[in-house]
Amino acid sequence: MPEPVGAEAEIAAATVRPGQSVRVWGAWCTVRSVRSERYASGGLAVVIGLDDGPGLRMDAPEPLLVRDGVRPTAAGDPVVAS
């Protein structure tokens, strides 16, 4: 049975929440954790922990494509750079 696919939206990295899926490196990955850090220059960075692969560290306003309610990409699936 096919899985339900959540609606996709482009949002700022600072608004990503655990449980959402983000589109990175050509695949959907589930967000496990989100925390913020201050740059030495005073700007805000967001560190996003993923279910598979390295985490993401990005500027808070940088856009990410997200969706809710989907299973993460299975381990071993090819990841294609987009």
C-alpha atoms as a PDB file:
ATOM      1  CA  MET A   1       0.000   0.000   0.000  1.00  0.00           C
ATOM      2  CA  PRO A   2       1.499   3.398  -0.924  1.00  0.00           C
ATOM      3  CA  GLU A   3       2.351   5.759   1.889  1.00  0.00           C
ATOM      4  CA  PRO A   4       0.538   9.061   2.240  1.00  0.00           C
ATOM      5  CA  VAL A   5       2.554  12.000   1.009  1.00  0.00           C
ATOM      6  CA  GLY A   6       2.399  15.227   2.967  1.00  0.00           C
ATOM      7  CA  ALA A   7       2.104  18.565   1.270  1.00  0.00           C
ATOM      8  CA  GLU A   8       5.459  20.129   0.442  1.00  0.00           C
ATOM      9  CA  ALA A   9       6.327  23.663   1.496  1.00  0.00           C
ATOM     10  CA  GLU A  10       9.433  25.821   1.417  1.00  0.00           C
ATOM     11  CA  ILE A  11      10.122  27.282   4.864  1.00  0.00           C
ATOM     12  CA  ALA A  12      12.988  28.952   6.711  1.00  0.00           C
ATOM     13  CA  ALA A  13      15.423  26.563   8.399  1.00  0.00           C
ATOM     14  CA  ALA A  14      14.591  28.174  11.759  1.00  0.00           C
ATOM     15  CA  THR A  15      10.991  26.917  11.520  1.00  0.00           C
ATOM     16  CA  VAL A  16      11.792  23.247  10.804  1.00  0.00           C
ATOM     17  CA  ARG A  17      10.565  20.868  13.538  1.00  0.00           C
ATOM     18  CA  PRO A  18      11.441  17.287  14.560  1.00  0.00           C
ATOM     19  CA  GLY A  19       9.270  14.737  12.742  1.00  0.00           C
ATOM     20  CA  GLN A  20       9.121  16.691   9.500  1.00  0.00           C
ATOM     21  CA  SER A  21      10.969  15.452   6.423  1.00  0.00           C
ATOM     22  CA  VAL A  22      13.403  17.739   4.608  1.00  0.00           C
ATOM     23  CA  ARG A  23      14.667  17.424   1.040  1.00  0.00           C
ATOM     24  CA  VAL A  24      18.487  17.331   1.109  1.00  0.00           C
ATOM     25  CA  TRP A  25      21.071  15.737  -1.167  1.00  0.00           C
ATOM     26  CA  GLY A  26      18.307  14.607  -3.528  1.00  0.00           C
ATOM     27  CA  ALA A  27      16.407  12.578  -0.901  1.00  0.00           C
ATOM     28  CA  TRP A  28      13.852  13.043   1.882  1.00  0.00           C
ATOM     29  CA  CYS A  29      15.313  12.724   5.400  1.00  0.00           C
ATOM     30  CA  THR A  30      13.440  12.843   8.702  1.00  0.00           C
ATOM     31  CA  VAL A  31      14.388  15.585  11.142  1.00  0.00           C
ATOM     32  CA  ARG A  32      15.319  14.145  14.552  1.00  0.00           C
ATOM     33  CA  SER A  33      16.487  17.314  16.307  1.00  0.00           C
ATOM     34  CA  VAL A  34      16.726  21.055  15.783  1.00  0.00           C
ATOM     35  CA  ARG A  35      18.808  23.530  17.782  1.00  0.00           C
ATOM     36  CA  SER A  36      20.102  27.016  17.239  1.00  0.00           C
ATOM     37  CA  GLU A  37      23.557  28.521  17.663  1.00  0.00           C
ATOM     38  CA  ARG A  38      24.892  32.051  17.456  1.00  0.00           C
ATOM     39  CA  TYR A  39      27.657  32.824  15.002  1.00  0.00           C
ATOM     40  CA  ALA A  40      30.571  34.797  16.475  1.00  0.00           C
ATOM     41  CA  SER A  41      29.388  37.650  14.236  1.00  0.00           C
ATOM     42  CA  GLY A  42      25.985  37.577  15.963  1.00  0.00           C
ATOM     43  CA  GLY A  43      23.872  35.844  13.301  1.00  0.00           C
ATOM     44  CA  LEU A  44      21.737  32.796  14.034  1.00  0.00           C
ATOM     45  CA  ALA A  45      22.531  29.296  12.722  1.00  0.00           C
ATOM     46  CA  VAL A  46      20.267  26.256  12.862  1.00  0.00           C
ATOM     47  CA  VAL A  47      21.672  22.754  13.378  1.00  0.00           C
ATOM     48  CA  ILE A  48      19.318  20.036  12.109  1.00  0.00           C
ATOM     49  CA  GLY A  49      19.956  16.415  13.116  1.00  0.00           C
ATOM     50  CA  LEU A  50      18.737  13.897  10.535  1.00  0.00           C
ATOM     51  CA  ASP A  51      17.804  10.220  10.729  1.00  0.00           C
ATOM     52  CA  ASP A  52      20.533   9.289   8.250  1.00  0.00           C
ATOM     53  CA  GLY A  53      23.752  10.987   7.247  1.00  0.00           C
ATOM     54  CA  PRO A  54      25.398  14.106   8.571  1.00  0.00           C
ATOM     55  CA  GLY A  55      23.441  16.903  10.159  1.00  0.00           C
ATOM     56  CA  LEU A  56      22.840  20.269   8.551  1.00  0.00           C
ATOM     57  CA  ARG A  57      24.176  23.590   9.820  1.00  0.00           C
ATOM     58  CA  MET A  58      22.696  26.540   8.006  1.00  0.00           C
ATOM     59  CA  ASP A  59      21.667  30.159   8.351  1.00  0.00           C
ATOM     60  CA  ALA A  60      18.298  30.459  10.120  1.00  0.00           C
ATOM     61  CA  PRO A  61      16.490  32.189   7.216  1.00  0.00           C
ATOM     62  CA  GLU A  62      17.806  29.782   4.548  1.00  0.00           C
ATOM     63  CA  PRO A  63      14.912  27.964   2.822  1.00  0.00           C
ATOM     64  CA  LEU A  64      14.323  24.219   2.998  1.00  0.00           C
ATOM     65  CA  LEU A  65      11.697  22.067   1.279  1.00  0.00           C
ATOM     66  CA  VAL A  66       9.735  20.189   3.969  1.00  0.00           C
ATOM     67  CA  ARG A  67       6.737  17.908   4.287  1.00  0.00           C
ATOM     68  CA  ASP A  68       4.882  16.271   7.171  1.00  0.00           C
ATOM     69  CA  GLY A  69       3.759  12.707   7.752  1.00  0.00           C
ATOM     70  CA  VAL A  70       6.100  10.672   5.561  1.00  0.00           C
ATOM     71  CA  ARG A  71       8.580   7.943   6.282  1.00  0.00           C
ATOM     72  CA  PRO A  72      12.274   8.803   5.794  1.00  0.00           C
ATOM     73  CA  THR A  73      14.290   7.532   2.864  1.00  0.00           C
ATOM     74  CA  ALA A  74      15.336   3.935   3.558  1.00  0.00           C
ATOM     75  CA  ALA A  75      18.994   3.297   4.380  1.00  0.00           C
ATOM     76  CA  GLY A  76      20.799   2.130   1.310  1.00  0.00           C
ATOM     77  CA  ASP A  77      18.684   4.104  -1.133  1.00  0.00           C
ATOM     78  CA  PRO A  78      20.854   6.029  -3.558  1.00  0.00           C
ATOM     79  CA  VAL A  79      21.219   9.709  -2.770  1.00  0.00           C
ATOM     80  CA  VAL A  80      21.547  11.900  -5.822  1.00  0.00           C
ATOM     81  CA  ALA A  81      22.757  15.481  -5.591  1.00  0.00           C
ATOM     82  CA  SER A  82      20.158  17.902  -6.860  1.00  0.00           C
END
